[in-house]
Amino acid sequence: MLAHKQQKGFTITELLIAMAVAAIVAVGVYSFFGSSIKEYFRLQEESLAFADVAANSQRVASVLRGATDITAATSSSTTVYSYFSPYDQYVSLIKYYPDNTGTKLLADVTRMTANPPIGTQISGSLKTFTIIDTFYVPGGTNTFEYLDSGGGMLAMPITDLKTIKGVRVNLAAKPPTPTSQAVKMSVEVGLRNRKTNL
């Protein structure tokens, strides 16, 4: 007598169902991890941009705090005599301003032969530094706001620069990813080293 063997295995239908379920699970896992990774990189870019803005806000504030005089003041730029580096022997003429595209904050630094009013600018010593690479000016915000002795904001244009007793610096940067949020920081400094007889 011949024994009848039962064949065990998967039918084509069962294989197709299993492949469809596996594909659905794979798409779900990819979507979850893909969006999580994108979110992680977005947050990392915003964090790096915030750290850059914070560090540069403090750097600009330190230079302005040590300013001995202000020679020009607008809402988008400021020009001062100050020490750009803590190792400088004399102040430099420093101008903070946005570049032509408005996407970088720059600083022109011209060294002096001595402190004003005696010193003169050293020709050929002008150097331009990039302060913020991804500079951004949010709508309705001035990069520089000038304060009087009572802490009130002075109206622009300022006709008497001697009335400026403090400066509020509003810096912002926009990370390169379109979905990233702009990061902003505001710092206020008093002009403690400002000379009134220059």
C-alpha atoms as a PDB file:
ATOM      1  CA  MET A   1       0.000   0.000   0.000  1.00  0.00           C
ATOM      2  CA  LEU A   2       1.307   3.396  -0.932  1.00  0.00           C
ATOM      3  CA  ALA A   3       1.369   6.103   1.787  1.00  0.00           C
ATOM      4  CA  HIS A   4      -0.015   9.433   0.665  1.00  0.00           C
ATOM      5  CA  LYS A   5       2.320  12.270   1.663  1.00  0.00           C
ATOM      6  CA  GLN A   6       0.762  15.657   2.498  1.00  0.00           C
ATOM      7  CA  GLN A   7       2.634  18.539   1.002  1.00  0.00           C
ATOM      8  CA  LYS A   8       3.181  21.425   3.407  1.00  0.00           C
ATOM      9  CA  GLY A   9       4.106  24.939   2.278  1.00  0.00           C
ATOM     10  CA  PHE A  10       2.738  28.354   1.435  1.00  0.00           C
ATOM     11  CA  THR A  11       0.388  29.115  -1.337  1.00  0.00           C
ATOM     12  CA  ILE A  12       1.006  32.020  -3.679  1.00  0.00           C
ATOM     13  CA  THR A  13      -1.805  33.950  -2.001  1.00  0.00           C
ATOM     14  CA  GLU A  14      -0.253  33.493   1.440  1.00  0.00           C
ATOM     15  CA  LEU A  15       3.139  34.658   0.145  1.00  0.00           C
ATOM     16  CA  LEU A  16       1.614  37.762  -1.435  1.00  0.00           C
ATOM     17  CA  ILE A  17      -0.239  38.612   1.785  1.00  0.00           C
ATOM     18  CA  ALA A  18       2.941  38.164   3.851  1.00  0.00           C
ATOM     19  CA  MET A  19       4.923  40.376   1.449  1.00  0.00           C
ATOM     20  CA  ALA A  20       2.204  43.059   1.536  1.00  0.00           C
ATOM     21  CA  VAL A  21       2.161  43.054   5.362  1.00  0.00           C
ATOM     22  CA  ALA A  22       5.976  43.230   5.472  1.00  0.00           C
ATOM     23  CA  ALA A  23       5.962  46.146   3.018  1.00  0.00           C
ATOM     24  CA  ILE A  24       3.368  48.039   5.085  1.00  0.00           C
ATOM     25  CA  VAL A  25       5.415  47.503   8.269  1.00  0.00           C
ATOM     26  CA  ALA A  26       8.632  48.571   6.494  1.00  0.00           C
ATOM     27  CA  VAL A  27       7.005  51.775   5.184  1.00  0.00           C
ATOM     28  CA  GLY A  28       5.689  52.575   8.677  1.00  0.00           C
ATOM     29  CA  VAL A  29       9.096  52.010  10.288  1.00  0.00           C
ATOM     30  CA  TYR A  30      10.847  54.058   7.566  1.00  0.00           C
ATOM     31  CA  SER A  31       8.357  56.920   7.934  1.00  0.00           C
ATOM     32  CA  PHE A  32       8.729  56.974  11.702  1.00  0.00           C
ATOM     33  CA  PHE A  33      12.531  56.880  11.742  1.00  0.00           C
ATOM     34  CA  GLY A  34      12.847  59.124   8.669  1.00  0.00           C
ATOM     35  CA  SER A  35      10.753  61.885  10.244  1.00  0.00           C
ATOM     36  CA  SER A  36      12.511  61.437  13.597  1.00  0.00           C
ATOM     37  CA  ILE A  37      15.913  61.796  11.962  1.00  0.00           C
ATOM     38  CA  LYS A  38      14.795  64.892  10.021  1.00  0.00           C
ATOM     39  CA  GLU A  39      13.423  66.400  13.244  1.00  0.00           C
ATOM     40  CA  TYR A  40      16.691  65.606  15.036  1.00  0.00           C
ATOM     41  CA  PHE A  41      18.772  67.342  12.350  1.00  0.00           C
ATOM     42  CA  ARG A  42      16.398  70.327  12.331  1.00  0.00           C
ATOM     43  CA  LEU A  43      16.707  70.711  16.106  1.00  0.00           C
ATOM     44  CA  GLN A  44      20.459  70.313  15.893  1.00  0.00           C
ATOM     45  CA  GLU A  45      20.703  73.087  13.272  1.00  0.00           C
ATOM     46  CA  GLU A  46      18.547  75.390  15.403  1.00  0.00           C
ATOM     47  CA  SER A  47      20.656  74.602  18.464  1.00  0.00           C
ATOM     48  CA  LEU A  48      23.907  75.365  16.628  1.00  0.00           C
ATOM     49  CA  ALA A  49      22.439  78.583  15.224  1.00  0.00           C
ATOM     50  CA  PHE A  50      21.291  79.647  18.710  1.00  0.00           C
ATOM     51  CA  ALA A  51      24.736  78.929  20.178  1.00  0.00           C
ATOM     52  CA  ASP A  52      26.322  80.992  17.384  1.00  0.00           C
ATOM     53  CA  VAL A  53      23.928  83.913  17.914  1.00  0.00           C
ATOM     54  CA  ALA A  54      24.392  83.773  21.701  1.00  0.00           C
ATOM     55  CA  ALA A  55      28.188  83.762  21.451  1.00  0.00           C
ATOM     56  CA  ASN A  56      28.254  86.576  18.893  1.00  0.00           C
ATOM     57  CA  SER A  57      25.709  88.649  20.828  1.00  0.00           C
ATOM     58  CA  GLN A  58      28.018  88.518  23.828  1.00  0.00           C
ATOM     59  CA  ARG A  59      31.021  89.356  21.643  1.00  0.00           C
ATOM     60  CA  VAL A  60      29.315  92.409  20.106  1.00  0.00           C
ATOM     61  CA  ALA A  61      28.029  93.447  23.551  1.00  0.00           C
ATOM     62  CA  SER A  62      31.533  93.233  24.977  1.00  0.00           C
ATOM     63  CA  VAL A  63      32.924  95.455  22.207  1.00  0.00           C
ATOM     64  CA  LEU A  64      30.103  98.010  22.577  1.00  0.00           C
ATOM     65  CA  ARG A  65      30.377  98.002  26.380  1.00  0.00           C
ATOM     66  CA  GLY A  66      34.003  99.102  26.023  1.00  0.00           C
ATOM     67  CA  ALA A  67      33.263 101.766  23.401  1.00  0.00           C
ATOM     68  CA  THR A  68      34.913 105.103  24.060  1.00  0.00           C
ATOM     69  CA  ASP A  69      32.765 106.900  21.485  1.00  0.00           C
ATOM     70  CA  ILE A  70      30.020 106.366  18.903  1.00  0.00           C
ATOM     71  CA  THR A  71      30.612 108.010  15.531  1.00  0.00           C
ATOM     72  CA  ALA A  72      27.527 106.753  13.640  1.00  0.00           C
ATOM     73  CA  ALA A  73      24.252 105.176  14.731  1.00  0.00           C
ATOM     74  CA  THR A  74      21.492 103.733  12.535  1.00  0.00           C
ATOM     75  CA  SER A  75      18.963 100.978  13.125  1.00  0.00           C
ATOM     76  CA  SER A  76      20.981  98.529  11.003  1.00  0.00           C
ATOM     77  CA  SER A  77      24.569  99.611  11.739  1.00  0.00           C
ATOM     78  CA  THR A  78      26.719 101.237  14.357  1.00  0.00           C
ATOM     79  CA  THR A  79      30.262 102.633  14.305  1.00  0.00           C
ATOM     80  CA  VAL A  80      32.299 102.975  17.483  1.00  0.00           C
ATOM     81  CA  TYR A  81      35.792 103.400  18.832  1.00  0.00           C
ATOM     82  CA  SER A  82      36.452 100.340  20.959  1.00  0.00           C
ATOM     83  CA  TYR A  83      38.817  97.450  21.653  1.00  0.00           C
ATOM     84  CA  PHE A  84      38.021  94.637  19.217  1.00  0.00           C
ATOM     85  CA  SER A  85      40.457  92.261  20.883  1.00  0.00           C
ATOM     86  CA  PRO A  86      41.332  92.225  24.585  1.00  0.00           C
ATOM     87  CA  TYR A  87      45.001  92.323  23.556  1.00  0.00           C
ATOM     88  CA  ASP A  88      44.706  95.575  21.571  1.00  0.00           C
ATOM     89  CA  GLN A  89      46.883  98.420  22.833  1.00  0.00           C
ATOM     90  CA  TYR A  90      44.637 101.102  21.331  1.00  0.00           C
ATOM     91  CA  VAL A  91      41.005 101.251  20.308  1.00  0.00           C
ATOM     92  CA  SER A  92      40.009 100.562  16.696  1.00  0.00           C
ATOM     93  CA  LEU A  93      37.289 102.136  14.590  1.00  0.00           C
ATOM     94  CA  ILE A  94      34.680  99.345  14.370  1.00  0.00           C
ATOM     95  CA  LYS A  95      31.606  99.337  12.176  1.00  0.00           C
ATOM     96  CA  TYR A  96      28.951  96.606  12.492  1.00  0.00           C
ATOM     97  CA  TYR A  97      26.628  96.337   9.490  1.00  0.00           C
ATOM     98  CA  PRO A  98      24.801  93.804   7.273  1.00  0.00           C
ATOM     99  CA  ASP A  99      26.289  92.860   3.916  1.00  0.00           C
ATOM    100  CA  ASN A 100      24.606  93.859   0.630  1.00  0.00           C
ATOM    101  CA  THR A 101      22.380  90.767   0.655  1.00  0.00           C
ATOM    102  CA  GLY A 102      21.398  91.203   4.303  1.00  0.00           C
ATOM    103  CA  THR A 103      22.381  87.595   5.056  1.00  0.00           C
ATOM    104  CA  LYS A 104      25.654  88.251   6.903  1.00  0.00           C
ATOM    105  CA  LEU A 105      26.531  90.574   9.770  1.00  0.00           C
ATOM    106  CA  LEU A 106      29.980  92.046   9.199  1.00  0.00           C
ATOM    107  CA  ALA A 107      32.435  94.109  11.214  1.00  0.00           C
ATOM    108  CA  ASP A 108      34.967  96.464   9.607  1.00  0.00           C
ATOM    109  CA  VAL A 109      37.889  97.023  11.976  1.00  0.00           C
ATOM    110  CA  THR A 110      40.415  99.803  11.314  1.00  0.00           C
ATOM    111  CA  ARG A 111      43.323 100.040  13.737  1.00  0.00           C
ATOM    112  CA  MET A 112      44.465 103.347  15.217  1.00  0.00           C
ATOM    113  CA  THR A 113      47.934 104.792  15.867  1.00  0.00           C
ATOM    114  CA  ALA A 114      46.754 105.832  19.366  1.00  0.00           C
ATOM    115  CA  ASN A 115      43.475 106.422  21.155  1.00  0.00           C
ATOM    116  CA  PRO A 116      41.370 109.367  19.926  1.00  0.00           C
ATOM    117  CA  PRO A 117      41.557 112.302  19.810  1.00  0.00           C
ATOM    118  CA  ILE A 118      45.338 111.933  19.314  1.00  0.00           C
ATOM    119  CA  GLY A 119      45.363 108.784  17.186  1.00  0.00           C
ATOM    120  CA  THR A 120      44.634 108.474  13.487  1.00  0.00           C
ATOM    121  CA  GLN A 121      43.500 105.526  11.423  1.00  0.00           C
ATOM    122  CA  ILE A 122      46.276 103.284  10.130  1.00  0.00           C
ATOM    123  CA  SER A 123      45.863 103.137   6.348  1.00  0.00           C
ATOM    124  CA  GLY A 124      45.732  99.614   4.972  1.00  0.00           C
ATOM    125  CA  SER A 125      44.795  98.104   8.339  1.00  0.00           C
ATOM    126  CA  LEU A 126      41.084  97.675   7.542  1.00  0.00           C
ATOM    127  CA  LYS A 127      39.942  94.085   8.068  1.00  0.00           C
ATOM    128  CA  THR A 128      36.405  92.793   7.576  1.00  0.00           C
ATOM    129  CA  PHE A 129      35.158  90.015   9.861  1.00  0.00           C
ATOM    130  CA  THR A 130      32.021  87.940   9.396  1.00  0.00           C
ATOM    131  CA  ILE A 131      30.149  87.963  12.704  1.00  0.00           C
ATOM    132  CA  ILE A 132      27.083  85.915  11.698  1.00  0.00           C
ATOM    133  CA  ASP A 133      26.970  83.822   8.490  1.00  0.00           C
ATOM    134  CA  THR A 134      23.207  83.279   8.464  1.00  0.00           C
ATOM    135  CA  PHE A 135      22.151  86.746   9.601  1.00  0.00           C
ATOM    136  CA  TYR A 136      18.449  87.470   9.559  1.00  0.00           C
ATOM    137  CA  VAL A 137      16.407  90.543  10.471  1.00  0.00           C
ATOM    138  CA  PRO A 138      12.884  89.620  11.634  1.00  0.00           C
ATOM    139  CA  GLY A 139      10.157  91.992  10.437  1.00  0.00           C
ATOM    140  CA  GLY A 140       9.645  95.017  12.676  1.00  0.00           C
ATOM    141  CA  THR A 141      12.986  94.534  14.455  1.00  0.00           C
ATOM    142  CA  ASN A 142      15.961  96.880  14.448  1.00  0.00           C
ATOM    143  CA  THR A 143      19.402  95.333  14.797  1.00  0.00           C
ATOM    144  CA  PHE A 144      20.556  98.283  16.929  1.00  0.00           C
ATOM    145  CA  GLU A 145      18.385 100.324  19.293  1.00  0.00           C
ATOM    146  CA  TYR A 146      19.877 103.247  21.191  1.00  0.00           C
ATOM    147  CA  LEU A 147      18.934 104.130  24.760  1.00  0.00           C
ATOM    148  CA  ASP A 148      18.974 107.383  26.705  1.00  0.00           C
ATOM    149  CA  SER A 149      20.096 107.830  30.316  1.00  0.00           C
ATOM    150  CA  GLY A 150      16.701 106.643  31.601  1.00  0.00           C
ATOM    151  CA  GLY A 151      16.765 103.459  29.495  1.00  0.00           C
ATOM    152  CA  GLY A 152      14.181 104.786  27.012  1.00  0.00           C
ATOM    153  CA  MET A 153      14.644 104.151  23.312  1.00  0.00           C
ATOM    154  CA  LEU A 154      15.845 107.145  21.301  1.00  0.00           C
ATOM    155  CA  ALA A 155      13.927 107.995  18.126  1.00  0.00           C
ATOM    156  CA  MET A 156      15.760 107.661  14.829  1.00  0.00           C
ATOM    157  CA  PRO A 157      17.544 109.506  13.359  1.00  0.00           C
ATOM    158  CA  ILE A 158      19.611 110.533  16.367  1.00  0.00           C
ATOM    159  CA  THR A 159      20.912 114.053  15.871  1.00  0.00           C
ATOM    160  CA  ASP A 160      23.055 114.222  19.036  1.00  0.00           C
ATOM    161  CA  LEU A 161      25.077 111.025  19.441  1.00  0.00           C
ATOM    162  CA  LYS A 162      26.143 112.148  22.938  1.00  0.00           C
ATOM    163  CA  THR A 163      22.604 111.360  24.175  1.00  0.00           C
ATOM    164  CA  ILE A 164      23.242 107.639  23.590  1.00  0.00           C
ATOM    165  CA  LYS A 165      23.939 106.006  26.938  1.00  0.00           C
ATOM    166  CA  GLY A 166      23.212 102.401  26.014  1.00  0.00           C
ATOM    167  CA  VAL A 167      22.651 100.078  23.069  1.00  0.00           C
ATOM    168  CA  ARG A 168      20.274  97.146  22.653  1.00  0.00           C
ATOM    169  CA  VAL A 169      21.552  94.636  20.094  1.00  0.00           C
ATOM    170  CA  ASN A 170      18.959  92.331  18.493  1.00  0.00           C
ATOM    171  CA  LEU A 171      20.631  89.537  16.558  1.00  0.00           C
ATOM    172  CA  ALA A 172      18.952  86.678  14.711  1.00  0.00           C
ATOM    173  CA  ALA A 173      20.063  83.859  12.463  1.00  0.00           C
ATOM    174  CA  LYS A 174      18.142  81.580  10.162  1.00  0.00           C
ATOM    175  CA  PRO A 175      19.439  77.991   9.845  1.00  0.00           C
ATOM    176  CA  PRO A 176      19.780  76.750   6.250  1.00  0.00           C
ATOM    177  CA  THR A 177      16.957  74.203   6.442  1.00  0.00           C
ATOM    178  CA  PRO A 178      13.660  75.806   5.304  1.00  0.00           C
ATOM    179  CA  THR A 179      11.701  74.124   8.127  1.00  0.00           C
ATOM    180  CA  SER A 180      14.051  75.415  10.830  1.00  0.00           C
ATOM    181  CA  GLN A 181      12.948  78.368  12.931  1.00  0.00           C
ATOM    182  CA  ALA A 182      14.984  81.564  13.132  1.00  0.00           C
ATOM    183  CA  VAL A 183      16.763  82.005  16.452  1.00  0.00           C
ATOM    184  CA  LYS A 184      16.899  85.415  18.128  1.00  0.00           C
ATOM    185  CA  MET A 185      18.749  87.021  20.989  1.00  0.00           C
ATOM    186  CA  SER A 186      18.656  90.506  22.444  1.00  0.00           C
ATOM    187  CA  VAL A 187      21.295  91.985  24.727  1.00  0.00           C
ATOM    188  CA  GLU A 188      21.462  95.451  26.261  1.00  0.00           C
ATOM    189  CA  VAL A 189      24.691  97.215  27.226  1.00  0.00           C
ATOM    190  CA  GLY A 190      25.560 100.470  28.930  1.00  0.00           C
ATOM    191  CA  LEU A 191      28.369 102.550  27.444  1.00  0.00           C
ATOM    192  CA  ARG A 192      30.460 102.608  30.603  1.00  0.00           C
ATOM    193  CA  ASN A 193      33.770 103.662  28.981  1.00  0.00           C
ATOM    194  CA  ARG A 194      32.367 106.379  26.782  1.00  0.00           C
ATOM    195  CA  LYS A 195      34.326 109.617  26.825  1.00  0.00           C
ATOM    196  CA  THR A 196      32.310 112.818  26.640  1.00  0.00           C
ATOM    197  CA  ASN A 197      35.178 115.115  25.717  1.00  0.00           C
ATOM    198  CA  LEU A 198      36.172 113.591  22.339  1.00  0.00           C
END
